[in-house]
Amino acid sequence: MKFRQLILLKLKRKIYKKANMTDTFEHKDTLQGNERKCIATGKIGDRDAMYRFIIGPDSQVLPDLAAKLPGRGLWVSANQLSLKLAIEKNLFEKSAKKTLKVKENLISEIECLQSKRLLDLIRLARKAGQAVCGYEKVKEWLSKDKVSLLIQAYDGSSRGKSKLSTPDKAKFIDCLSSLELGEAFGRQNAIHCAVTSGGLAKRIVQEAHRLTGLRRNFGEKSPERKRQLNER
């Protein structure tokens, strides 16, 4: 009987090793629920405030912003300082205990992907009738107490933005440029945007928080993102 149990145990380990579908680094620390451990800082936090990375077939470190791809999960806090530390100190390799390839522009790539995720959510909110842009429309929604999230472009006029106040229980975002915000509404640019309450608003706030942590200076876009926008 013991021999049979031993065989089954070895077989399970072999299958587990081959599939490599579990985030071993998470279970190693017996984390619960949405908790994950940052390989750069060692701090435990909510997975929604982190980026997940997997190891590709060619030993390439790949970002998994949606945290859905199979493979070992390596988690890093969603800010540029932690990402730089993980790259410069070879913490991906140390955590995986193997030689890995890390792109030189990995942070810029993540910034572009994160910006796209945020803009896609704002587009969804617009199509669902849960978001509007433009000073007058936003002002109207504010007067009707329909706003749970106010978004203003960081490069907009301070005087113009000061005329619209964030409601007491609402959230405020200003990590996007007027060009980016306009892109979400099919316009050349936009300064003001309002979103009603609901699941999309919560997700927009979440993704905006991660984007804010990525931009080196407040509201600054990476060189790669600037190049993409200039090409349009």
C-alpha atoms as a PDB file:
ATOM      1  CA  MET A   1       0.000   0.000   0.000  1.00  0.00           C
ATOM      2  CA  LYS A   2       2.817   2.404   0.914  1.00  0.00           C
ATOM      3  CA  PHE A   3       4.583   1.586  -2.327  1.00  0.00           C
ATOM      4  CA  ARG A   4       1.425   2.445  -4.305  1.00  0.00           C
ATOM      5  CA  GLN A   5       1.035   5.764  -2.458  1.00  0.00           C
ATOM      6  CA  LEU A   6       4.652   6.603  -3.178  1.00  0.00           C
ATOM      7  CA  ILE A   7       4.175   5.922  -6.898  1.00  0.00           C
ATOM      8  CA  LEU A   8       1.045   8.108  -6.978  1.00  0.00           C
ATOM      9  CA  LEU A   9       2.863  10.898  -5.172  1.00  0.00           C
ATOM     10  CA  LYS A  10       5.750  10.817  -7.662  1.00  0.00           C
ATOM     11  CA  LEU A  11       3.284  10.793 -10.552  1.00  0.00           C
ATOM     12  CA  LYS A  12       1.460  13.856  -9.183  1.00  0.00           C
ATOM     13  CA  ARG A  13       4.749  15.711  -8.754  1.00  0.00           C
ATOM     14  CA  LYS A  14       5.746  14.859 -12.315  1.00  0.00           C
ATOM     15  CA  ILE A  15       2.425  16.088 -13.718  1.00  0.00           C
ATOM     16  CA  TYR A  16       2.629  19.254 -11.609  1.00  0.00           C
ATOM     17  CA  LYS A  17       6.163  19.985 -12.745  1.00  0.00           C
ATOM     18  CA  LYS A  18       5.277  19.441 -16.401  1.00  0.00           C
ATOM     19  CA  ALA A  19       2.113  21.544 -16.332  1.00  0.00           C
ATOM     20  CA  ASN A  20       3.687  24.281 -14.247  1.00  0.00           C
ATOM     21  CA  MET A  21       0.280  25.902 -13.938  1.00  0.00           C
ATOM     22  CA  THR A  22       0.446  27.094 -10.333  1.00  0.00           C
ATOM     23  CA  ASP A  23       1.939  30.257  -8.923  1.00  0.00           C
ATOM     24  CA  THR A  24       4.377  28.449  -6.668  1.00  0.00           C
ATOM     25  CA  PHE A  25       5.787  31.653  -5.273  1.00  0.00           C
ATOM     26  CA  GLU A  26       2.380  32.564  -3.939  1.00  0.00           C
ATOM     27  CA  HIS A  27       1.685  29.233  -2.235  1.00  0.00           C
ATOM     28  CA  LYS A  28       5.181  29.108  -0.787  1.00  0.00           C
ATOM     29  CA  ASP A  29       4.268  31.959   1.500  1.00  0.00           C
ATOM     30  CA  THR A  30       0.788  30.523   2.239  1.00  0.00           C
ATOM     31  CA  LEU A  31      -0.887  33.680   0.980  1.00  0.00           C
ATOM     32  CA  GLN A  32      -4.634  33.993   1.104  1.00  0.00           C
ATOM     33  CA  GLY A  33      -7.208  35.233  -1.367  1.00  0.00           C
ATOM     34  CA  ASN A  34      -5.907  38.109  -3.472  1.00  0.00           C
ATOM     35  CA  GLU A  35      -2.673  38.481  -1.514  1.00  0.00           C
ATOM     36  CA  ARG A  36       0.595  38.249  -3.403  1.00  0.00           C
ATOM     37  CA  LYS A  37       4.227  38.859  -2.507  1.00  0.00           C
ATOM     38  CA  CYS A  38       6.308  41.345  -4.478  1.00  0.00           C
ATOM     39  CA  ILE A  39       9.644  39.815  -5.510  1.00  0.00           C
ATOM     40  CA  ALA A  40      11.255  43.270  -5.438  1.00  0.00           C
ATOM     41  CA  THR A  41      10.186  44.593  -2.035  1.00  0.00           C
ATOM     42  CA  GLY A  42       9.166  41.401  -0.295  1.00  0.00           C
ATOM     43  CA  LYS A  43       5.947  43.091   0.775  1.00  0.00           C
ATOM     44  CA  ILE A  44       2.607  41.302   0.664  1.00  0.00           C
ATOM     45  CA  GLY A  45      -0.243  43.182  -0.962  1.00  0.00           C
ATOM     46  CA  ASP A  46      -3.366  42.926  -3.071  1.00  0.00           C
ATOM     47  CA  ARG A  47      -2.769  41.366  -6.491  1.00  0.00           C
ATOM     48  CA  ASP A  48      -4.760  44.194  -8.091  1.00  0.00           C
ATOM     49  CA  ALA A  49      -1.953  46.559  -7.094  1.00  0.00           C
ATOM     50  CA  MET A  50       0.713  44.372  -8.699  1.00  0.00           C
ATOM     51  CA  TYR A  51       1.834  43.079 -12.072  1.00  0.00           C
ATOM     52  CA  ARG A  52       2.106  39.396 -12.800  1.00  0.00           C
ATOM     53  CA  PHE A  53       4.856  37.993 -15.002  1.00  0.00           C
ATOM     54  CA  ILE A  54       5.282  34.539 -16.463  1.00  0.00           C
ATOM     55  CA  ILE A  55       8.204  32.771 -18.063  1.00  0.00           C
ATOM     56  CA  GLY A  56       7.769  32.100 -21.772  1.00  0.00           C
ATOM     57  CA  PRO A  57       8.939  28.978 -23.624  1.00  0.00           C
ATOM     58  CA  ASP A  58      12.146  30.783 -24.606  1.00  0.00           C
ATOM     59  CA  SER A  59      12.850  31.830 -20.982  1.00  0.00           C
ATOM     60  CA  GLN A  60      11.578  35.332 -21.759  1.00  0.00           C
ATOM     61  CA  VAL A  61       9.947  37.268 -18.908  1.00  0.00           C
ATOM     62  CA  LEU A  62       6.488  38.204 -20.173  1.00  0.00           C
ATOM     63  CA  PRO A  63       4.023  40.640 -18.558  1.00  0.00           C
ATOM     64  CA  ASP A  64       0.581  39.216 -17.816  1.00  0.00           C
ATOM     65  CA  LEU A  65      -1.474  42.271 -16.905  1.00  0.00           C
ATOM     66  CA  ALA A  66      -4.743  40.337 -16.856  1.00  0.00           C
ATOM     67  CA  ALA A  67      -3.147  37.675 -14.618  1.00  0.00           C
ATOM     68  CA  LYS A  68      -4.762  34.857 -16.589  1.00  0.00           C
ATOM     69  CA  LEU A  69      -1.927  33.204 -18.518  1.00  0.00           C
ATOM     70  CA  PRO A  70      -0.730  29.745 -17.423  1.00  0.00           C
ATOM     71  CA  GLY A  71       2.685  29.385 -15.884  1.00  0.00           C
ATOM     72  CA  ARG A  72       4.590  30.339 -12.770  1.00  0.00           C
ATOM     73  CA  GLY A  73       3.574  33.714 -11.449  1.00  0.00           C
ATOM     74  CA  LEU A  74       6.159  36.322 -10.504  1.00  0.00           C
ATOM     75  CA  TRP A  75       4.551  39.386  -8.937  1.00  0.00           C
ATOM     76  CA  VAL A  76       5.927  42.924  -8.744  1.00  0.00           C
ATOM     77  CA  SER A  77       4.293  45.987  -7.200  1.00  0.00           C
ATOM     78  CA  ALA A  78       2.745  48.244  -9.847  1.00  0.00           C
ATOM     79  CA  ASN A  79       5.218  51.091  -9.673  1.00  0.00           C
ATOM     80  CA  GLN A  80       8.311  51.962 -11.613  1.00  0.00           C
ATOM     81  CA  LEU A  81      10.670  51.792  -8.634  1.00  0.00           C
ATOM     82  CA  SER A  82       9.797  48.158  -7.886  1.00  0.00           C
ATOM     83  CA  LEU A  83       9.988  47.181 -11.552  1.00  0.00           C
ATOM     84  CA  LYS A  84      13.412  48.794 -11.948  1.00  0.00           C
ATOM     85  CA  LEU A  85      14.624  47.043  -8.817  1.00  0.00           C
ATOM     86  CA  ALA A  86      13.396  43.663 -10.061  1.00  0.00           C
ATOM     87  CA  ILE A  87      15.186  44.163 -13.383  1.00  0.00           C
ATOM     88  CA  GLU A  88      18.440  45.715 -12.165  1.00  0.00           C
ATOM     89  CA  LYS A  89      18.907  43.218  -9.315  1.00  0.00           C
ATOM     90  CA  ASN A  90      18.007  40.218 -11.499  1.00  0.00           C
ATOM     91  CA  LEU A  91      15.207  39.336  -9.087  1.00  0.00           C
ATOM     92  CA  PHE A  92      13.208  37.549 -11.774  1.00  0.00           C
ATOM     93  CA  GLU A  93      16.058  35.089 -12.210  1.00  0.00           C
ATOM     94  CA  LYS A  94      16.634  34.729  -8.473  1.00  0.00           C
ATOM     95  CA  SER A  95      12.957  34.001  -7.851  1.00  0.00           C
ATOM     96  CA  ALA A  96      12.683  31.540 -10.742  1.00  0.00           C
ATOM     97  CA  LYS A  97      16.120  30.078  -9.988  1.00  0.00           C
ATOM     98  CA  LYS A  98      17.020  29.955 -13.652  1.00  0.00           C
ATOM     99  CA  THR A  99      18.519  32.158 -16.361  1.00  0.00           C
ATOM    100  CA  LEU A 100      15.925  34.415 -17.941  1.00  0.00           C
ATOM    101  CA  LYS A 101      15.698  37.009 -20.703  1.00  0.00           C
ATOM    102  CA  VAL A 102      14.360  40.447 -19.817  1.00  0.00           C
ATOM    103  CA  LYS A 103      13.618  43.024 -22.513  1.00  0.00           C
ATOM    104  CA  GLU A 104      15.431  46.346 -22.215  1.00  0.00           C
ATOM    105  CA  ASN A 105      12.169  48.223 -22.779  1.00  0.00           C
ATOM    106  CA  LEU A 106      10.054  46.032 -20.493  1.00  0.00           C
ATOM    107  CA  ILE A 107       8.799  48.948 -18.370  1.00  0.00           C
ATOM    108  CA  SER A 108       7.863  50.973 -21.455  1.00  0.00           C
ATOM    109  CA  GLU A 109       6.040  47.962 -22.858  1.00  0.00           C
ATOM    110  CA  ILE A 110       4.067  47.552 -19.634  1.00  0.00           C
ATOM    111  CA  GLU A 111       3.221  51.266 -19.627  1.00  0.00           C
ATOM    112  CA  CYS A 112       1.796  51.009 -23.141  1.00  0.00           C
ATOM    113  CA  LEU A 113      -0.203  47.902 -22.280  1.00  0.00           C
ATOM    114  CA  GLN A 114      -1.490  49.474 -19.077  1.00  0.00           C
ATOM    115  CA  SER A 115      -2.513  52.675 -20.836  1.00  0.00           C
ATOM    116  CA  LYS A 116      -4.399  50.619 -23.431  1.00  0.00           C
ATOM    117  CA  ARG A 117      -6.217  48.653 -20.721  1.00  0.00           C
ATOM    118  CA  LEU A 118      -7.346  51.872 -19.080  1.00  0.00           C
ATOM    119  CA  LEU A 119      -8.471  53.497 -22.334  1.00  0.00           C
ATOM    120  CA  ASP A 120     -10.332  50.332 -23.368  1.00  0.00           C
ATOM    121  CA  LEU A 121     -12.314  50.427 -20.127  1.00  0.00           C
ATOM    122  CA  ILE A 122     -13.208  54.082 -20.632  1.00  0.00           C
ATOM    123  CA  ARG A 123     -14.368  53.212 -24.175  1.00  0.00           C
ATOM    124  CA  LEU A 124     -16.561  50.450 -22.775  1.00  0.00           C
ATOM    125  CA  ALA A 125     -18.072  52.878 -20.283  1.00  0.00           C
ATOM    126  CA  ARG A 126     -18.737  55.373 -23.092  1.00  0.00           C
ATOM    127  CA  LYS A 127     -20.429  52.742 -25.270  1.00  0.00           C
ATOM    128  CA  ALA A 128     -22.530  51.618 -22.307  1.00  0.00           C
ATOM    129  CA  GLY A 129     -23.683  55.177 -21.701  1.00  0.00           C
ATOM    130  CA  GLN A 130     -21.787  55.289 -18.412  1.00  0.00           C
ATOM    131  CA  ALA A 131     -19.233  57.928 -19.422  1.00  0.00           C
ATOM    132  CA  VAL A 132     -19.284  61.338 -21.110  1.00  0.00           C
ATOM    133  CA  CYS A 133     -16.635  63.895 -21.980  1.00  0.00           C
ATOM    134  CA  GLY A 134     -16.665  67.640 -22.512  1.00  0.00           C
ATOM    135  CA  TYR A 135     -17.017  70.446 -20.006  1.00  0.00           C
ATOM    136  CA  GLU A 136     -20.772  71.060 -20.411  1.00  0.00           C
ATOM    137  CA  LYS A 137     -21.779  67.372 -20.325  1.00  0.00           C
ATOM    138  CA  VAL A 138     -19.613  66.664 -17.311  1.00  0.00           C
ATOM    139  CA  LYS A 139     -20.957  69.761 -15.558  1.00  0.00           C
ATOM    140  CA  GLU A 140     -24.522  68.568 -16.217  1.00  0.00           C
ATOM    141  CA  TRP A 141     -23.832  65.129 -14.784  1.00  0.00           C
ATOM    142  CA  LEU A 142     -22.216  66.686 -11.725  1.00  0.00           C
ATOM    143  CA  SER A 143     -25.286  68.853 -11.139  1.00  0.00           C
ATOM    144  CA  LYS A 144     -27.483  65.744 -11.291  1.00  0.00           C
ATOM    145  CA  ASP A 145     -25.263  63.866  -8.825  1.00  0.00           C
ATOM    146  CA  LYS A 146     -24.588  61.123 -11.388  1.00  0.00           C
ATOM    147  CA  VAL A 147     -20.778  61.130 -11.138  1.00  0.00           C
ATOM    148  CA  SER A 148     -18.812  58.529  -9.195  1.00  0.00           C
ATOM    149  CA  LEU A 149     -15.561  59.168 -11.048  1.00  0.00           C
ATOM    150  CA  LEU A 150     -14.163  62.412 -12.452  1.00  0.00           C
ATOM    151  CA  ILE A 151     -11.297  62.188 -14.946  1.00  0.00           C
ATOM    152  CA  GLN A 152      -9.308  65.231 -16.043  1.00  0.00           C
ATOM    153  CA  ALA A 153      -6.315  65.378 -18.373  1.00  0.00           C
ATOM    154  CA  TYR A 154      -3.121  66.311 -16.566  1.00  0.00           C
ATOM    155  CA  ASP A 155      -2.106  68.720 -19.338  1.00  0.00           C
ATOM    156  CA  GLY A 156      -5.409  70.598 -19.364  1.00  0.00           C
ATOM    157  CA  SER A 157      -5.813  74.183 -18.200  1.00  0.00           C
ATOM    158  CA  SER A 158      -5.667  74.390 -14.406  1.00  0.00           C
ATOM    159  CA  ARG A 159      -8.166  77.222 -14.485  1.00  0.00           C
ATOM    160  CA  GLY A 160     -10.651  75.226 -16.537  1.00  0.00           C
ATOM    161  CA  LYS A 161     -10.239  72.074 -14.446  1.00  0.00           C
ATOM    162  CA  SER A 162     -10.724  73.982 -11.190  1.00  0.00           C
ATOM    163  CA  LYS A 163     -14.264  74.884 -12.264  1.00  0.00           C
ATOM    164  CA  LEU A 164     -15.328  71.250 -11.897  1.00  0.00           C
ATOM    165  CA  SER A 165     -15.093  69.776  -8.411  1.00  0.00           C
ATOM    166  CA  THR A 166     -14.995  66.095  -7.520  1.00  0.00           C
ATOM    167  CA  PRO A 167     -18.064  65.064  -5.475  1.00  0.00           C
ATOM    168  CA  ASP A 168     -17.369  64.035  -1.871  1.00  0.00           C
ATOM    169  CA  LYS A 169     -17.873  60.312  -2.448  1.00  0.00           C
ATOM    170  CA  ALA A 170     -16.449  60.224  -5.964  1.00  0.00           C
ATOM    171  CA  LYS A 171     -12.957  59.271  -7.152  1.00  0.00           C
ATOM    172  CA  PHE A 172     -10.598  61.461  -9.167  1.00  0.00           C
ATOM    173  CA  ILE A 173      -8.121  60.471 -11.905  1.00  0.00           C
ATOM    174  CA  ASP A 174      -5.564  62.646 -13.690  1.00  0.00           C
ATOM    175  CA  CYS A 175      -2.947  60.252 -15.070  1.00  0.00           C
ATOM    176  CA  LEU A 176      -3.966  60.625 -18.730  1.00  0.00           C
ATOM    177  CA  SER A 177      -3.095  63.329 -21.249  1.00  0.00           C
ATOM    178  CA  SER A 178      -5.761  65.191 -23.207  1.00  0.00           C
ATOM    179  CA  LEU A 179      -4.690  63.271 -26.308  1.00  0.00           C
ATOM    180  CA  GLU A 180      -5.107  59.915 -24.582  1.00  0.00           C
ATOM    181  CA  LEU A 181      -8.449  60.844 -23.037  1.00  0.00           C
ATOM    182  CA  GLY A 182      -9.673  62.096 -26.395  1.00  0.00           C
ATOM    183  CA  GLU A 183      -8.620  58.795 -27.945  1.00  0.00           C
ATOM    184  CA  ALA A 184     -11.074  56.973 -25.676  1.00  0.00           C
ATOM    185  CA  PHE A 185     -13.911  59.120 -27.027  1.00  0.00           C
ATOM    186  CA  GLY A 186     -12.873  59.160 -30.675  1.00  0.00           C
ATOM    187  CA  ARG A 187     -11.861  62.811 -30.461  1.00  0.00           C
ATOM    188  CA  GLN A 188      -8.627  64.654 -31.047  1.00  0.00           C
ATOM    189  CA  ASN A 189      -8.423  65.533 -27.377  1.00  0.00           C
ATOM    190  CA  ALA A 190     -10.527  65.764 -24.226  1.00  0.00           C
ATOM    191  CA  ILE A 191      -9.932  67.418 -20.861  1.00  0.00           C
ATOM    192  CA  HIS A 192     -12.937  66.416 -18.772  1.00  0.00           C
ATOM    193  CA  CYS A 193     -14.670  63.052 -18.389  1.00  0.00           C
ATOM    194  CA  ALA A 194     -17.283  61.759 -15.981  1.00  0.00           C
ATOM    195  CA  VAL A 195     -18.221  58.151 -15.208  1.00  0.00           C
ATOM    196  CA  THR A 196     -21.300  56.891 -13.376  1.00  0.00           C
ATOM    197  CA  SER A 197     -21.176  54.315 -10.602  1.00  0.00           C
ATOM    198  CA  GLY A 198     -20.838  50.636 -11.435  1.00  0.00           C
ATOM    199  CA  GLY A 199     -18.350  47.881 -12.078  1.00  0.00           C
ATOM    200  CA  LEU A 200     -16.641  49.712 -14.922  1.00  0.00           C
ATOM    201  CA  ALA A 201     -15.934  52.751 -12.751  1.00  0.00           C
ATOM    202  CA  LYS A 202     -14.247  50.555 -10.135  1.00  0.00           C
ATOM    203  CA  ARG A 203     -12.111  48.848 -12.754  1.00  0.00           C
ATOM    204  CA  ILE A 204     -11.141  52.181 -14.308  1.00  0.00           C
ATOM    205  CA  VAL A 205      -9.957  53.454 -10.907  1.00  0.00           C
ATOM    206  CA  GLN A 206      -7.982  50.261 -10.380  1.00  0.00           C
ATOM    207  CA  GLU A 207      -6.218  50.412 -13.741  1.00  0.00           C
ATOM    208  CA  ALA A 208      -5.586  54.161 -13.374  1.00  0.00           C
ATOM    209  CA  HIS A 209      -3.894  53.552 -10.041  1.00  0.00           C
ATOM    210  CA  ARG A 210      -1.510  51.093 -11.675  1.00  0.00           C
ATOM    211  CA  LEU A 211      -0.785  53.477 -14.551  1.00  0.00           C
ATOM    212  CA  THR A 212      -0.036  56.327 -12.144  1.00  0.00           C
ATOM    213  CA  GLY A 213       2.550  54.142 -10.411  1.00  0.00           C
ATOM    214  CA  LEU A 214       4.247  53.426 -13.744  1.00  0.00           C
ATOM    215  CA  ARG A 215       4.751  56.980 -14.930  1.00  0.00           C
ATOM    216  CA  ARG A 216       8.070  58.262 -13.711  1.00  0.00           C
ATOM    217  CA  ASN A 217       6.973  61.798 -13.062  1.00  0.00           C
ATOM    218  CA  PHE A 218       3.384  62.748 -12.445  1.00  0.00           C
ATOM    219  CA  GLY A 219       1.483  62.434 -15.696  1.00  0.00           C
ATOM    220  CA  GLU A 220       4.582  61.648 -17.764  1.00  0.00           C
ATOM    221  CA  LYS A 221       4.378  59.174 -20.609  1.00  0.00           C
ATOM    222  CA  SER A 222       7.201  56.850 -21.531  1.00  0.00           C
ATOM    223  CA  PRO A 223       9.262  57.623 -24.674  1.00  0.00           C
ATOM    224  CA  GLU A 224       7.652  54.602 -26.366  1.00  0.00           C
ATOM    225  CA  ARG A 225       4.139  55.870 -25.634  1.00  0.00           C
ATOM    226  CA  LYS A 226       5.072  59.371 -26.881  1.00  0.00           C
ATOM    227  CA  ARG A 227       6.352  57.858 -30.118  1.00  0.00           C
ATOM    228  CA  GLN A 228       3.106  55.917 -30.639  1.00  0.00           C
ATOM    229  CA  LEU A 229       0.985  58.997 -30.080  1.00  0.00           C
ATOM    230  CA  ASN A 230       3.128  61.135 -32.404  1.00  0.00           C
ATOM    231  CA  GLU A 231       2.712  58.586 -35.198  1.00  0.00           C
ATOM    232  CA  ARG A 232      -1.056  59.094 -35.265  1.00  0.00           C
END
